[in-house]
Protein backbone atom coordinates (compact mmCIF):
# COMPACT_ATOMS: atom_id res chain seq x y z
CA MET A 1 140.48 53.37 177.84
CA LYS A 2 141.81 56.06 175.46
CA ARG A 3 138.48 56.74 173.68
CA GLY A 4 136.82 57.20 177.30
CA LEU A 5 139.30 59.98 178.15
CA PHE A 6 139.60 61.57 174.43
CA GLY A 7 135.78 61.66 175.15
CA LEU A 8 135.39 63.54 178.55
CA VAL A 9 138.30 65.99 177.45
CA GLY A 10 135.95 66.70 174.38
CA ALA A 11 132.68 67.13 176.25
CA ALA A 12 134.97 69.64 178.70
CA VAL A 13 136.09 71.12 175.87
CA LEU A 14 132.79 71.83 174.33
CA ALA A 15 131.45 72.70 178.10
CA ALA A 16 133.85 75.28 178.33
CA LEU A 17 133.11 76.70 174.96
CA ALA A 18 129.14 76.57 175.90
CA TRP A 19 130.17 78.70 178.78
CA GLY A 20 132.33 81.18 177.35
CA ILE A 21 129.53 81.79 174.74
CA PHE A 22 127.04 82.12 177.41
CA LEU A 23 129.47 84.80 179.31
CA ARG A 24 129.88 86.45 176.02
CA PHE A 25 126.22 86.69 175.73
CA SER A 26 123.70 86.58 178.48
CA PRO A 27 121.58 89.53 178.82
CA GLU A 28 122.92 89.48 182.64
CA ARG A 29 126.08 90.73 181.58
CA LEU A 30 124.38 93.77 179.79
CA VAL A 31 123.97 96.63 181.64
CA ASN A 32 120.13 98.08 181.70
CA LEU A 33 118.68 95.42 179.54
CA PRO A 34 116.33 95.99 179.38
CA PRO A 35 116.36 99.91 180.31
CA THR A 36 114.56 101.94 182.40
CA ALA A 37 115.14 105.59 180.47
CA THR A 38 112.27 106.04 178.67
CA GLY A 39 113.43 108.50 176.53
CA PRO A 40 114.75 108.23 172.53
CA TRP A 41 117.21 106.41 170.67
CA VAL A 42 120.14 108.55 170.46
CA ALA A 43 123.17 108.06 167.98
CA PHE A 44 125.66 110.13 169.49
CA GLY A 45 129.47 110.74 167.89
CA ASP A 46 130.99 112.15 165.40
CA SER A 47 131.10 112.73 161.59
CA LEU A 48 130.45 108.66 160.98
CA THR A 49 127.47 108.88 162.88
CA GLU A 50 126.16 112.69 161.58
CA GLY A 51 126.65 111.14 157.96
CA TYR A 52 129.43 113.19 156.39
CA GLY A 53 130.07 111.97 152.96
CA ALA A 54 126.15 110.75 152.54
CA GLU A 55 123.16 112.63 151.07
CA SER A 56 120.74 114.31 153.96
CA GLY A 57 118.75 111.30 155.51
CA GLN A 58 121.29 108.62 154.30
CA ASP A 59 123.34 108.64 157.51
CA TYR A 60 123.32 105.45 159.10
CA PRO A 61 121.23 106.66 162.29
CA SER A 62 118.75 107.42 159.41
CA GLN A 63 118.92 103.97 157.65
CA LEU A 64 119.18 101.89 160.60
CA SER A 65 115.40 103.90 162.31
CA GLY A 66 113.73 103.01 158.42
CA ARG A 67 115.16 99.16 159.14
CA LEU A 68 114.09 98.89 163.03
CA GLY A 69 111.03 101.60 162.64
CA ILE A 70 112.50 103.25 165.82
CA PRO A 71 112.88 106.57 165.54
CA ILE A 72 116.39 107.27 166.28
CA THR A 73 117.93 111.13 167.03
CA ASN A 74 121.10 112.20 165.33
CA SER A 75 122.95 113.49 167.85
CA GLY A 76 126.59 113.06 165.41
CA ARG A 77 129.02 116.43 164.92
CA SER A 78 132.23 116.43 162.56
CA GLY A 79 135.30 117.11 163.90
CA GLU A 80 134.33 115.68 167.72
CA THR A 81 137.06 114.01 169.88
CA SER A 82 136.04 111.44 172.70
CA GLY A 83 136.49 114.48 174.54
CA ASP A 84 134.03 116.56 173.06
CA GLY A 85 131.74 113.99 173.21
CA ARG A 86 132.59 113.83 177.52
CA ALA A 87 132.05 117.29 177.45
CA ARG A 88 128.60 117.57 175.69
CA VAL A 89 127.26 113.83 177.63
CA ASP A 90 125.11 115.98 180.14
CA GLU A 91 123.04 117.12 177.12
CA ILE A 92 122.46 113.44 175.61
CA ALA A 93 121.76 111.90 179.11
CA SER A 94 119.33 114.99 179.83
CA LEU A 95 116.83 113.23 177.44
CA ARG A 96 116.78 110.13 178.92
CA PRO A 97 117.66 107.64 176.00
CA ARG A 98 116.49 104.00 176.01
CA VAL A 99 119.51 103.35 173.69
CA VAL A 100 122.50 105.33 172.46
CA LEU A 101 124.82 104.55 169.81
CA LEU A 102 128.18 105.32 170.79
CA CYS A 103 130.89 106.03 168.32
CA PHE A 104 133.86 108.07 169.07
CA GLY A 105 137.29 107.82 168.53
CA GLY A 106 138.00 108.02 164.71
CA ASN A 107 139.38 112.00 165.17
CA ASP A 108 141.30 110.93 168.14
CA GLU A 109 142.78 108.71 166.08
CA LEU A 110 143.17 111.16 163.35
CA ARG A 111 144.73 113.42 165.43
CA ARG A 112 147.13 111.10 167.11
CA LEU A 113 145.25 112.02 170.61
CA SER A 114 145.99 109.66 173.56
CA ARG A 115 144.28 106.03 173.51
CA SER A 116 144.22 105.67 177.10
CA GLU A 117 142.74 108.73 177.72
CA MET A 118 140.28 107.87 174.84
CA LEU A 119 139.10 105.31 176.40
CA SER A 120 138.84 107.10 179.67
CA ASN A 121 136.87 109.75 177.73
CA LEU A 122 134.08 106.95 176.67
CA SER A 123 134.41 105.10 180.34
CA ALA A 124 133.08 108.26 181.64
CA ILE A 125 130.56 109.02 178.75
CA ILE A 126 129.35 105.02 179.34
CA ASP A 127 128.84 105.75 183.35
CA ARG A 128 126.67 109.00 182.69
CA LEU A 129 124.72 107.12 180.47
CA GLN A 130 123.85 103.93 182.38
CA ARG A 131 122.97 106.22 185.37
CA GLU A 132 120.37 107.34 183.46
CA GLY A 133 119.44 104.14 182.83
CA THR A 134 120.34 103.64 178.92
CA PHE A 135 121.50 100.97 177.15
CA VAL A 136 124.89 101.84 175.34
CA VAL A 137 125.92 100.34 172.44
CA LEU A 138 129.51 100.79 171.92
CA MET A 139 131.26 101.02 168.17
CA GLY A 140 134.69 100.41 167.70
CA ILE A 141 136.85 102.71 165.83
CA ARG A 142 140.07 101.03 164.34
CA SER A 143 143.36 102.43 164.59
CA ALA A 144 145.35 103.63 161.45
CA SER A 145 147.91 100.57 161.59
CA VAL A 146 148.57 97.53 159.97
CA ARG A 147 147.28 95.59 163.67
CA ASP A 148 144.17 97.21 165.14
CA ARG A 149 145.66 98.62 168.43
CA ASN A 150 142.17 99.81 169.72
CA GLU A 151 140.11 96.87 169.69
CA GLU A 152 141.41 95.31 172.87
CA GLY A 153 141.02 98.64 174.29
CA PHE A 154 137.41 98.75 173.19
CA ARG A 155 136.49 95.02 173.71
CA ARG A 156 137.81 95.19 177.08
CA LEU A 157 136.07 98.82 178.35
CA ALA A 158 132.59 96.75 176.87
CA ARG A 159 133.26 94.07 178.97
CA GLU A 160 133.94 96.09 182.24
CA LYS A 161 130.80 98.52 181.35
CA GLY A 162 128.33 95.51 180.29
CA VAL A 163 127.98 97.48 176.82
CA LEU A 164 127.28 95.98 173.72
CA HIS A 165 130.07 96.05 171.56
CA VAL A 166 130.45 96.40 168.12
CA SER A 167 133.98 95.70 166.74
CA ASP A 168 135.64 97.73 163.92
CA LEU A 169 132.61 100.26 162.46
CA MET A 170 133.91 100.43 159.06
CA ASP A 171 134.80 97.11 159.12
CA GLY A 172 134.10 95.66 155.27
CA VAL A 173 133.67 99.68 154.30
CA MET A 174 136.72 101.32 154.79
CA PHE A 175 139.21 100.19 151.20
CA HIS A 176 135.97 99.78 149.22
CA ALA A 177 135.91 102.58 147.02
CA GLU A 178 132.16 101.75 146.27
CA LEU A 179 131.05 102.28 149.66
CA MET A 180 133.29 105.33 150.45
CA SER A 181 132.35 109.68 149.84
CA ASP A 182 136.57 110.14 150.46
CA GLY A 183 139.65 108.26 152.28
CA VAL A 184 137.30 108.35 156.07
CA HIS A 185 133.79 108.53 155.39
CA PRO A 186 131.02 106.12 153.75
CA ASN A 187 128.70 107.37 150.97
CA GLU A 188 125.11 106.64 151.08
CA ARG A 189 125.77 102.94 150.25
CA GLY A 190 128.95 102.41 152.88
CA TYR A 191 126.26 104.14 155.53
CA ALA A 192 123.64 101.44 154.06
CA GLN A 193 126.30 98.33 154.99
CA ILE A 194 126.99 99.69 158.79
CA ALA A 195 123.26 100.06 159.18
CA GLY A 196 122.47 96.61 157.98
CA ARG A 197 125.36 95.30 160.57
CA LEU A 198 123.92 96.90 163.43
CA GLU A 199 120.80 95.54 162.73
CA ALA A 200 122.21 92.17 162.50
CA GLU A 201 123.82 92.84 165.94
CA LEU A 202 121.01 94.40 168.10
CA SER A 203 118.00 91.72 166.54
CA PRO A 204 118.93 89.60 169.50
CA TRP A 205 118.06 92.03 172.20
CA MET A 206 115.23 93.84 170.39
CA ALA A 207 112.32 92.52 172.34
CA GLN A 208 113.49 94.44 175.19
CA LEU A 209 114.65 97.25 173.49
CA ARG A 210 111.83 98.43 172.16
């Protein structure tokens, strides 16, 4: 009797786990998959997108482009906050980008700007892009604290908006001197690692995103 009960409990646990995985990765949960927009792929963000700290052509969008065989327009600008991104999102939306790799928050964090305002800005950017039929990839930026105070907000926003979330973009790069050009920005090898990670994250969806 006990063995039967344990078997039923185990089956229920496995079913719950399977359902959770389905909800997390099901295409129905991701908005604009496949995208209806027909423009270019665009990397939209700050200095981490622009490629500060690396030689020209060694930024992560360029390296990811080479890995995927898809042109990616680099629209990163050093020093920009999420508010700056929100101010110029119409410029990006006018391209009707098929995919946008969205990465803001680092400068908000460095300037100690409001976390809630940052998430509000990112939400508005996502809404604007999704209206164009764009598939959005939201990249998380870790807070400058022992415990990551940004992760929960990024994850919740991604879930609410139905966008693909890549947590803590600098994970595995930050604090590794051989991958960094300074205390904040990767070097060519660091950007290569980011590109490789993004390739892996995008891989399940590439048939619909190309």
